[in-house]
Amino acid sequence: KRHTDALLSALRAALDAPAERRQRVEATLDTYLAAIEA
């Protein structure tokens, strides 16, 4: 729960970022991958 809460918060931030839809899709995917890589 601790790590999922942090990941969900980061994913929501990527989805809410002021950008075109394609950029937000890529940012959301990258956020997940960056989290497991880190």
PDB file of all heavy atoms in Angstrom:
ATOM      1  N   LYS A   1       0.833  -1.201   0.000  1.00  0.00           N
ATOM      2  CA  LYS A   1       0.000   0.000   0.000  1.00  0.00           C
ATOM      3  C   LYS A   1       0.871   1.256   0.000  1.00  0.00           C
ATOM      4  O   LYS A   1       0.596   2.221  -0.717  1.00  0.00           O
ATOM      5  CB  LYS A   1      -0.929   0.010   1.205  1.00  0.00           C
ATOM      6  CG  LYS A   1      -1.876   1.209   1.221  1.00  0.00           C
ATOM      7  CD  LYS A   1      -2.815   1.175   2.402  1.00  0.00           C
ATOM      8  CE  LYS A   1      -3.860   2.284   2.306  1.00  0.00           C
ATOM      9  NZ  LYS A   1      -3.293   3.633   2.153  1.00  0.00           N
ATOM     10  N   ARG A   2       1.922   1.234   0.797  1.00  0.00           N
ATOM     11  CA  ARG A   2       2.830   2.384   0.888  1.00  0.00           C
ATOM     12  C   ARG A   2       3.407   2.728  -0.483  1.00  0.00           C
ATOM     13  O   ARG A   2       3.378   3.887  -0.915  1.00  0.00           O
ATOM     14  CB  ARG A   2       3.945   2.030   1.879  1.00  0.00           C
ATOM     15  CG  ARG A   2       5.020   3.088   2.093  1.00  0.00           C
ATOM     16  CD  ARG A   2       6.084   2.490   3.014  1.00  0.00           C
ATOM     17  NE  ARG A   2       7.217   3.354   3.259  1.00  0.00           N
ATOM     18  CZ  ARG A   2       7.341   4.187   4.286  1.00  0.00           C
ATOM     19  NH1 ARG A   2       6.365   4.263   5.174  1.00  0.00           N
ATOM     20  NH2 ARG A   2       8.421   4.920   4.437  1.00  0.00           N
ATOM     21  N   HIS A   3       3.897   1.714  -1.201  1.00  0.00           N
ATOM     22  CA  HIS A   3       4.524   1.969  -2.496  1.00  0.00           C
ATOM     23  C   HIS A   3       3.486   2.193  -3.598  1.00  0.00           C
ATOM     24  O   HIS A   3       3.719   2.992  -4.511  1.00  0.00           O
ATOM     25  CB  HIS A   3       5.469   0.824  -2.847  1.00  0.00           C
ATOM     26  CG  HIS A   3       6.713   0.833  -2.013  1.00  0.00           C
ATOM     27  ND1 HIS A   3       7.751   1.708  -2.254  1.00  0.00           N
ATOM     28  CD2 HIS A   3       7.076   0.111  -0.924  1.00  0.00           C
ATOM     29  CE1 HIS A   3       8.700   1.517  -1.354  1.00  0.00           C
ATOM     30  NE2 HIS A   3       8.321   0.557  -0.538  1.00  0.00           N
ATOM     31  N   THR A   4       2.350   1.525  -3.504  1.00  0.00           N
ATOM     32  CA  THR A   4       1.305   1.739  -4.500  1.00  0.00           C
ATOM     33  C   THR A   4       0.724   3.144  -4.379  1.00  0.00           C
ATOM     34  O   THR A   4       0.449   3.799  -5.387  1.00  0.00           O
ATOM     35  CB  THR A   4       0.193   0.689  -4.351  1.00  0.00           C
ATOM     36  OG1 THR A   4       0.766  -0.618  -4.442  1.00  0.00           O
ATOM     37  CG2 THR A   4      -0.844   0.846  -5.460  1.00  0.00           C
ATOM     38  N   ASP A   5       0.533   3.623  -3.153  1.00  0.00           N
ATOM     39  CA  ASP A   5       0.050   4.995  -2.951  1.00  0.00           C
ATOM     40  C   ASP A   5       1.005   6.005  -3.596  1.00  0.00           C
ATOM     41  O   ASP A   5       0.571   6.954  -4.268  1.00  0.00           O
ATOM     42  CB  ASP A   5      -0.075   5.314  -1.453  1.00  0.00           C
ATOM     43  CG  ASP A   5      -1.275   4.642  -0.806  1.00  0.00           C
ATOM     44  OD1 ASP A   5      -2.126   4.105  -1.538  1.00  0.00           O
ATOM     45  OD2 ASP A   5      -1.352   4.654   0.439  1.00  0.00           O
ATOM     46  N   ALA A   6       2.312   5.802  -3.395  1.00  0.00           N
ATOM     47  CA  ALA A   6       3.296   6.721  -3.973  1.00  0.00           C
ATOM     48  C   ALA A   6       3.278   6.642  -5.494  1.00  0.00           C
ATOM     49  O   ALA A   6       3.349   7.676  -6.182  1.00  0.00           O
ATOM     50  CB  ALA A   6       4.690   6.383  -3.439  1.00  0.00           C
ATOM     51  N   LEU A   7       3.156   5.434  -6.042  1.00  0.00           N
ATOM     52  CA  LEU A   7       3.121   5.274  -7.492  1.00  0.00           C
ATOM     53  C   LEU A   7       1.870   5.908  -8.078  1.00  0.00           C
ATOM     54  O   LEU A   7       1.933   6.612  -9.101  1.00  0.00           O
ATOM     55  CB  LEU A   7       3.177   3.787  -7.853  1.00  0.00           C
ATOM     56  CG  LEU A   7       3.068   3.439  -9.336  1.00  0.00           C
ATOM     57  CD1 LEU A   7       4.174   4.107 -10.137  1.00  0.00           C
ATOM     58  CD2 LEU A   7       3.106   1.931  -9.537  1.00  0.00           C
ATOM     59  N   LEU A   8       0.726   5.685  -7.445  1.00  0.00           N
ATOM     60  CA  LEU A   8      -0.522   6.278  -7.944  1.00  0.00           C
ATOM     61  C   LEU A   8      -0.463   7.799  -7.927  1.00  0.00           C
ATOM     62  O   LEU A   8      -0.958   8.457  -8.844  1.00  0.00           O
ATOM     63  CB  LEU A   8      -1.702   5.780  -7.113  1.00  0.00           C
ATOM     64  CG  LEU A   8      -2.160   4.353  -7.411  1.00  0.00           C
ATOM     65  CD1 LEU A   8      -3.156   3.884  -6.353  1.00  0.00           C
ATOM     66  CD2 LEU A   8      -2.787   4.271  -8.796  1.00  0.00           C
ATOM     67  N   SER A   9       0.133   8.365  -6.893  1.00  0.00           N
ATOM     68  CA  SER A   9       0.285   9.810  -6.823  1.00  0.00           C
ATOM     69  C   SER A   9       1.127  10.324  -7.993  1.00  0.00           C
ATOM     70  O   SER A   9       0.787  11.332  -8.627  1.00  0.00           O
ATOM     71  CB  SER A   9       0.933  10.201  -5.490  1.00  0.00           C
ATOM     72  OG  SER A   9       1.121  11.601  -5.413  1.00  0.00           O
ATOM     73  N   ALA A  10       2.213   9.612  -8.305  1.00  0.00           N
ATOM     74  CA  ALA A  10       3.071  10.013  -9.419  1.00  0.00           C
ATOM     75  C   ALA A  10       2.357   9.846 -10.763  1.00  0.00           C
ATOM     76  O   ALA A  10       2.487  10.696 -11.661  1.00  0.00           O
ATOM     77  CB  ALA A  10       4.358   9.188  -9.398  1.00  0.00           C
ATOM     78  N   LEU A  11       1.573   8.770 -10.903  1.00  0.00           N
ATOM     79  CA  LEU A  11       0.836   8.549 -12.145  1.00  0.00           C
ATOM     80  C   LEU A  11      -0.227   9.622 -12.347  1.00  0.00           C
ATOM     81  O   LEU A  11      -0.424  10.113 -13.472  1.00  0.00           O
ATOM     82  CB  LEU A  11       0.191   7.164 -12.136  1.00  0.00           C
ATOM     83  CG  LEU A  11       1.142   5.964 -12.221  1.00  0.00           C
ATOM     84  CD1 LEU A  11       0.381   4.662 -12.018  1.00  0.00           C
ATOM     85  CD2 LEU A  11       1.884   5.941 -13.548  1.00  0.00           C
ATOM     86  N   ARG A  12      -0.922   9.993 -11.267  1.00  0.00           N
ATOM     87  CA  ARG A  12      -1.935  11.056 -11.391  1.00  0.00           C
ATOM     88  C   ARG A  12      -1.294  12.378 -11.797  1.00  0.00           C
ATOM     89  O   ARG A  12      -1.863  13.143 -12.590  1.00  0.00           O
ATOM     90  CB  ARG A  12      -2.682  11.209 -10.065  1.00  0.00           C
ATOM     91  CG  ARG A  12      -3.604  10.045  -9.727  1.00  0.00           C
ATOM     92  CD  ARG A  12      -4.473  10.359  -8.523  1.00  0.00           C
ATOM     93  NE  ARG A  12      -5.186   9.188  -8.055  1.00  0.00           N
ATOM     94  CZ  ARG A  12      -4.866   8.488  -6.978  1.00  0.00           C
ATOM     95  NH1 ARG A  12      -3.816   8.864  -6.254  1.00  0.00           N
ATOM     96  NH2 ARG A  12      -5.560   7.437  -6.623  1.00  0.00           N
ATOM     97  N   ALA A  13      -0.124  12.668 -11.247  1.00  0.00           N
ATOM     98  CA  ALA A  13       0.577  13.902 -11.608  1.00  0.00           C
ATOM     99  C   ALA A  13       0.930  13.898 -13.093  1.00  0.00           C
ATOM    100  O   ALA A  13       0.803  14.935 -13.772  1.00  0.00           O
ATOM    101  CB  ALA A  13       1.843  14.059 -10.757  1.00  0.00           C
ATOM    102  N   ALA A  14       1.357  12.750 -13.617  1.00  0.00           N
ATOM    103  CA  ALA A  14       1.675  12.652 -15.046  1.00  0.00           C
ATOM    104  C   ALA A  14       0.425  12.828 -15.896  1.00  0.00           C
ATOM    105  O   ALA A  14       0.452  13.497 -16.940  1.00  0.00           O
ATOM    106  CB  ALA A  14       2.332  11.304 -15.347  1.00  0.00           C
ATOM    107  N   LEU A  15      -0.699  12.255 -15.449  1.00  0.00           N
ATOM    108  CA  LEU A  15      -1.952  12.378 -16.194  1.00  0.00           C
ATOM    109  C   LEU A  15      -2.504  13.796 -16.162  1.00  0.00           C
ATOM    110  O   LEU A  15      -3.207  14.214 -17.079  1.00  0.00           O
ATOM    111  CB  LEU A  15      -2.987  11.405 -15.618  1.00  0.00           C
ATOM    112  CG  LEU A  15      -2.768   9.929 -15.952  1.00  0.00           C
ATOM    113  CD1 LEU A  15      -3.605   9.054 -15.029  1.00  0.00           C
ATOM    114  CD2 LEU A  15      -3.120   9.649 -17.415  1.00  0.00           C
ATOM    115  N   ASP A  16      -2.193  14.544 -15.108  1.00  0.00           N
ATOM    116  CA  ASP A  16      -2.718  15.899 -14.948  1.00  0.00           C
ATOM    117  C   ASP A  16      -1.787  16.971 -15.517  1.00  0.00           C
ATOM    118  O   ASP A  16      -2.130  18.154 -15.511  1.00  0.00           O
ATOM    119  CB  ASP A  16      -2.965  16.203 -13.464  1.00  0.00           C
ATOM    120  CG  ASP A  16      -4.174  15.442 -12.919  1.00  0.00           C
ATOM    121  OD1 ASP A  16      -5.056  15.098 -13.723  1.00  0.00           O
ATOM    122  OD2 ASP A  16      -4.214  15.191 -11.699  1.00  0.00           O
ATOM    123  N   ALA A  17      -0.627  16.573 -15.997  1.00  0.00           N
ATOM    124  CA  ALA A  17       0.344  17.558 -16.485  1.00  0.00           C
ATOM    125  C   ALA A  17      -0.211  18.293 -17.702  1.00  0.00           C
ATOM    126  O   ALA A  17      -0.908  17.699 -18.533  1.00  0.00           O
ATOM    127  CB  ALA A  17       1.653  16.868 -16.844  1.00  0.00           C
ATOM    128  N   PRO A  18       0.086  19.590 -17.822  1.00  0.00           N
ATOM    129  CA  PRO A  18      -0.378  20.356 -18.982  1.00  0.00           C
ATOM    130  C   PRO A  18       0.421  19.982 -20.224  1.00  0.00           C
ATOM    131  O   PRO A  18       1.531  20.459 -20.440  1.00  0.00           O
ATOM    132  CB  PRO A  18      -0.125  21.811 -18.564  1.00  0.00           C
ATOM    133  CG  PRO A  18       0.988  21.734 -17.569  1.00  0.00           C
ATOM    134  CD  PRO A  18       0.819  20.430 -16.852  1.00  0.00           C
ATOM    135  N   ALA A  19      -0.137  19.085 -21.027  1.00  0.00           N
ATOM    136  CA  ALA A  19       0.564  18.609 -22.225  1.00  0.00           C
ATOM    137  C   ALA A  19      -0.467  18.014 -23.175  1.00  0.00           C
ATOM    138  O   ALA A  19      -1.631  17.816 -22.829  1.00  0.00           O
ATOM    139  CB  ALA A  19       1.608  17.559 -21.841  1.00  0.00           C
ATOM    140  N   GLU A  20      -0.040  17.734 -24.400  1.00  0.00           N
ATOM    141  CA  GLU A  20      -0.911  17.061 -25.350  1.00  0.00           C
ATOM    142  C   GLU A  20      -1.160  15.625 -24.884  1.00  0.00           C
ATOM    143  O   GLU A  20      -0.375  15.047 -24.126  1.00  0.00           O
ATOM    144  CB  GLU A  20      -0.255  17.044 -26.738  1.00  0.00           C
ATOM    145  CG  GLU A  20      -0.081  18.425 -27.361  1.00  0.00           C
ATOM    146  CD  GLU A  20      -1.409  19.119 -27.603  1.00  0.00           C
ATOM    147  OE1 GLU A  20      -2.376  18.423 -28.023  1.00  0.00           O
ATOM    148  OE2 GLU A  20      -1.495  20.340 -27.363  1.00  0.00           O
ATOM    149  N   ARG A  21      -2.260  15.037 -25.357  1.00  0.00           N
ATOM    150  CA  ARG A  21      -2.653  13.710 -24.889  1.00  0.00           C
ATOM    151  C   ARG A  21      -1.554  12.670 -25.113  1.00  0.00           C
ATOM    152  O   ARG A  21      -1.251  11.882 -24.215  1.00  0.00           O
ATOM    153  CB  ARG A  21      -3.943  13.257 -25.576  1.00  0.00           C
ATOM    154  CG  ARG A  21      -4.442  11.914 -25.070  1.00  0.00           C
ATOM    155  CD  ARG A  21      -5.689  11.449 -25.793  1.00  0.00           C
ATOM    156  NE  ARG A  21      -6.852  12.239 -25.431  1.00  0.00           N
ATOM    157  CZ  ARG A  21      -8.095  11.958 -25.850  1.00  0.00           C
ATOM    158  NH1 ARG A  21      -8.299  10.911 -26.631  1.00  0.00           N
ATOM    159  NH2 ARG A  21      -9.110  12.724 -25.496  1.00  0.00           N
ATOM    160  N   ARG A  22      -0.943  12.660 -26.284  1.00  0.00           N
ATOM    161  CA  ARG A  22       0.113  11.682 -26.556  1.00  0.00           C
ATOM    162  C   ARG A  22       1.263  11.844 -25.564  1.00  0.00           C
ATOM    163  O   ARG A  22       1.816  10.854 -25.065  1.00  0.00           O
ATOM    164  CB  ARG A  22       0.622  11.864 -27.987  1.00  0.00           C
ATOM    165  CG  ARG A  22       1.904  11.082 -28.331  1.00  0.00           C
ATOM    166  CD  ARG A  22       1.653   9.617 -28.535  1.00  0.00           C
ATOM    167  NE  ARG A  22       2.897   8.865 -28.694  1.00  0.00           N
ATOM    168  CZ  ARG A  22       3.067   7.809 -29.475  1.00  0.00           C
ATOM    169  NH1 ARG A  22       2.048   7.347 -30.183  1.00  0.00           N
ATOM    170  NH2 ARG A  22       4.211   7.183 -29.545  1.00  0.00           N
ATOM    171  N   GLN A  23       1.617  13.091 -25.251  1.00  0.00           N
ATOM    172  CA  GLN A  23       2.700  13.326 -24.301  1.00  0.00           C
ATOM    173  C   GLN A  23       2.343  12.819 -22.912  1.00  0.00           C
ATOM    174  O   GLN A  23       3.196  12.271 -22.196  1.00  0.00           O
ATOM    175  CB  GLN A  23       3.028  14.820 -24.243  1.00  0.00           C
ATOM    176  CG  GLN A  23       3.656  15.367 -25.514  1.00  0.00           C
ATOM    177  CD  GLN A  23       3.833  16.869 -25.461  1.00  0.00           C
ATOM    178  OE1 GLN A  23       2.892  17.625 -25.183  1.00  0.00           O
ATOM    179  NE2 GLN A  23       5.049  17.332 -25.707  1.00  0.00           N
ATOM    180  N   ARG A  24       1.074  12.977 -22.533  1.00  0.00           N
ATOM    181  CA  ARG A  24       0.663  12.500 -21.211  1.00  0.00           C
ATOM    182  C   ARG A  24       0.611  10.982 -21.153  1.00  0.00           C
ATOM    183  O   ARG A  24       0.916  10.377 -20.122  1.00  0.00           O
ATOM    184  CB  ARG A  24      -0.675  13.117 -20.826  1.00  0.00           C
ATOM    185  CG  ARG A  24      -0.514  14.494 -20.200  1.00  0.00           C
ATOM    186  CD  ARG A  24      -1.834  15.068 -19.769  1.00  0.00           C
ATOM    187  NE  ARG A  24      -2.563  15.562 -20.932  1.00  0.00           N
ATOM    188  CZ  ARG A  24      -3.873  15.775 -20.948  1.00  0.00           C
ATOM    189  NH1 ARG A  24      -4.601  15.508 -19.883  1.00  0.00           N
ATOM    190  NH2 ARG A  24      -4.458  16.256 -22.023  1.00  0.00           N
ATOM    191  N   VAL A  25       0.217  10.341 -22.249  1.00  0.00           N
ATOM    192  CA  VAL A  25       0.256   8.878 -22.311  1.00  0.00           C
ATOM    193  C   VAL A  25       1.687   8.398 -22.118  1.00  0.00           C
ATOM    194  O   VAL A  25       1.964   7.499 -21.312  1.00  0.00           O
ATOM    195  CB  VAL A  25      -0.311   8.372 -23.661  1.00  0.00           C
ATOM    196  CG1 VAL A  25      -0.036   6.872 -23.830  1.00  0.00           C
ATOM    197  CG2 VAL A  25      -1.814   8.632 -23.734  1.00  0.00           C
ATOM    198  N   GLU A  26       2.615   9.010 -22.842  1.00  0.00           N
ATOM    199  CA  GLU A  26       4.018   8.621 -22.721  1.00  0.00           C
ATOM    200  C   GLU A  26       4.558   8.927 -21.322  1.00  0.00           C
ATOM    201  O   GLU A  26       5.318   8.125 -20.758  1.00  0.00           O
ATOM    202  CB  GLU A  26       4.852   9.329 -23.790  1.00  0.00           C
ATOM    203  CG  GLU A  26       4.550   8.839 -25.203  1.00  0.00           C
ATOM    204  CD  GLU A  26       5.506   9.420 -26.229  1.00  0.00           C
ATOM    205  OE1 GLU A  26       6.297  10.329 -25.885  1.00  0.00           O
ATOM    206  OE2 GLU A  26       5.461   8.956 -27.397  1.00  0.00           O
ATOM    207  N   ALA A  27       4.172  10.080 -20.764  1.00  0.00           N
ATOM    208  CA  ALA A  27       4.654  10.438 -19.423  1.00  0.00           C
ATOM    209  C   ALA A  27       4.142   9.461 -18.376  1.00  0.00           C
ATOM    210  O   ALA A  27       4.858   9.118 -17.422  1.00  0.00           O
ATOM    211  CB  ALA A  27       4.213  11.859 -19.077  1.00  0.00           C
ATOM    212  N   THR A  28       2.909   8.980 -18.535  1.00  0.00           N
ATOM    213  CA  THR A  28       2.339   8.028 -17.583  1.00  0.00           C
ATOM    214  C   THR A  28       3.067   6.684 -17.666  1.00  0.00           C
ATOM    215  O   THR A  28       3.422   6.091 -16.636  1.00  0.00           O
ATOM    216  CB  THR A  28       0.836   7.837 -17.850  1.00  0.00           C
ATOM    217  OG1 THR A  28       0.180   9.113 -17.781  1.00  0.00           O
ATOM    218  CG2 THR A  28       0.219   6.899 -16.831  1.00  0.00           C
ATOM    219  N   LEU A  29       3.288   6.211 -18.882  1.00  0.00           N
ATOM    220  CA  LEU A  29       4.051   4.967 -19.058  1.00  0.00           C
ATOM    221  C   LEU A  29       5.457   5.115 -18.490  1.00  0.00           C
ATOM    222  O   LEU A  29       5.965   4.222 -17.787  1.00  0.00           O
ATOM    223  CB  LEU A  29       4.129   4.611 -20.545  1.00  0.00           C
ATOM    224  CG  LEU A  29       2.817   4.196 -21.219  1.00  0.00           C
ATOM    225  CD1 LEU A  29       2.997   4.187 -22.738  1.00  0.00           C
ATOM    226  CD2 LEU A  29       2.358   2.829 -20.736  1.00  0.00           C
ATOM    227  N   ASP A  30       6.082   6.246 -18.758  1.00  0.00           N
ATOM    228  CA  ASP A  30       7.456   6.464 -18.291  1.00  0.00           C
ATOM    229  C   ASP A  30       7.507   6.554 -16.769  1.00  0.00           C
ATOM    230  O   ASP A  30       8.472   6.090 -16.152  1.00  0.00           O
ATOM    231  CB  ASP A  30       8.021   7.745 -18.903  1.00  0.00           C
ATOM    232  CG  ASP A  30       9.504   7.904 -18.618  1.00  0.00           C
ATOM    233  OD1 ASP A  30      10.281   7.034 -19.049  1.00  0.00           O
ATOM    234  OD2 ASP A  30       9.878   8.890 -17.949  1.00  0.00           O
ATOM    235  N   THR A  31       6.485   7.124 -16.162  1.00  0.00           N
ATOM    236  CA  THR A  31       6.444   7.230 -14.701  1.00  0.00           C
ATOM    237  C   THR A  31       6.451   5.851 -14.061  1.00  0.00           C
ATOM    238  O   THR A  31       7.163   5.599 -13.080  1.00  0.00           O
ATOM    239  CB  THR A  31       5.202   8.018 -14.257  1.00  0.00           C
ATOM    240  OG1 THR A  31       5.307   9.370 -14.741  1.00  0.00           O
ATOM    241  CG2 THR A  31       5.058   8.037 -12.737  1.00  0.00           C
ATOM    242  N   TYR A  32       5.657   4.937 -14.603  1.00  0.00           N
ATOM    243  CA  TYR A  32       5.627   3.568 -14.067  1.00  0.00           C
ATOM    244  C   TYR A  32       6.976   2.895 -14.236  1.00  0.00           C
ATOM    245  O   TYR A  32       7.530   2.317 -13.295  1.00  0.00           O
ATOM    246  CB  TYR A  32       4.535   2.758 -14.769  1.00  0.00           C
ATOM    247  CG  TYR A  32       4.546   1.297 -14.354  1.00  0.00           C
ATOM    248  CD1 TYR A  32       3.927   0.886 -13.183  1.00  0.00           C
ATOM    249  CD2 TYR A  32       5.221   0.343 -15.116  1.00  0.00           C
ATOM    250  CE1 TYR A  32       3.962  -0.450 -12.783  1.00  0.00           C
ATOM    251  CE2 TYR A  32       5.262  -0.992 -14.724  1.00  0.00           C
ATOM    252  CZ  TYR A  32       4.626  -1.379 -13.561  1.00  0.00           C
ATOM    253  OH  TYR A  32       4.678  -2.692 -13.160  1.00  0.00           O
ATOM    254  N   LEU A  33       7.532   2.965 -15.441  1.00  0.00           N
ATOM    255  CA  LEU A  33       8.804   2.305 -15.709  1.00  0.00           C
ATOM    256  C   LEU A  33       9.940   2.923 -14.906  1.00  0.00           C
ATOM    257  O   LEU A  33      10.827   2.215 -14.420  1.00  0.00           O
ATOM    258  CB  LEU A  33       9.117   2.364 -17.208  1.00  0.00           C
ATOM    259  CG  LEU A  33       8.164   1.550 -18.103  1.00  0.00           C
ATOM    260  CD1 LEU A  33       8.408   1.883 -19.562  1.00  0.00           C
ATOM    261  CD2 LEU A  33       8.317   0.056 -17.856  1.00  0.00           C
ATOM    262  N   ALA A  34       9.918   4.241 -14.756  1.00  0.00           N
ATOM    263  CA  ALA A  34      10.954   4.906 -13.959  1.00  0.00           C
ATOM    264  C   ALA A  34      10.882   4.468 -12.505  1.00  0.00           C
ATOM    265  O   ALA A  34      11.907   4.320 -11.834  1.00  0.00           O
ATOM    266  CB  ALA A  34      10.803   6.423 -14.063  1.00  0.00           C
ATOM    267  N   ALA A  35       9.670   4.240 -12.010  1.00  0.00           N
ATOM    268  CA  ALA A  35       9.505   3.829 -10.610  1.00  0.00           C
ATOM    269  C   ALA A  35      10.103   2.447 -10.366  1.00  0.00           C
ATOM    270  O   ALA A  35      10.794   2.227  -9.367  1.00  0.00           O
ATOM    271  CB  ALA A  35       8.022   3.836 -10.236  1.00  0.00           C
ATOM    272  N   ILE A  36       9.846   1.498 -11.264  1.00  0.00           N
ATOM    273  CA  ILE A  36      10.388   0.159 -11.039  1.00  0.00           C
ATOM    274  C   ILE A  36      11.887   0.128 -11.324  1.00  0.00           C
ATOM    275  O   ILE A  36      12.616  -0.676 -10.741  1.00  0.00           O
ATOM    276  CB  ILE A  36       9.637  -0.921 -11.847  1.00  0.00           C
ATOM    277  CG1 ILE A  36       9.858  -0.772 -13.352  1.00  0.00           C
ATOM    278  CG2 ILE A  36       8.155  -0.897 -11.512  1.00  0.00           C
ATOM    279  CD1 ILE A  36       9.269  -1.938 -14.167  1.00  0.00           C
ATOM    280  N   GLU A  37      12.352   1.005 -12.211  1.00  0.00           N
ATOM    281  CA  GLU A  37      13.789   1.075 -12.482  1.00  0.00           C
ATOM    282  C   GLU A  37      14.545   1.683 -11.304  1.00  0.00           C
ATOM    283  O   GLU A  37      15.654   1.251 -10.966  1.00  0.00           O
ATOM    284  CB  GLU A  37      14.049   1.910 -13.732  1.00  0.00           C
ATOM    285  CG  GLU A  37      15.523   1.970 -14.136  1.00  0.00           C
ATOM    286  CD  GLU A  37      15.753   2.791 -15.385  1.00  0.00           C
ATOM    287  OE1 GLU A  37      15.044   3.802 -15.578  1.00  0.00           O
ATOM    288  OE2 GLU A  37      16.640   2.427 -16.175  1.00  0.00           O
ATOM    289  N   ALA A  38      13.931   2.675 -10.656  1.00  0.00           N
ATOM    290  CA  ALA A  38      14.594   3.353  -9.540  1.00  0.00           C
ATOM    291  C   ALA A  38      14.690   2.470  -8.309  1.00  0.00           C
ATOM    292  O   ALA A  38      15.658   2.569  -7.545  1.00  0.00           O
ATOM    293  CB  ALA A  38      13.843   4.642  -9.200  1.00  0.00           C
TER     294      ALA A  38
END
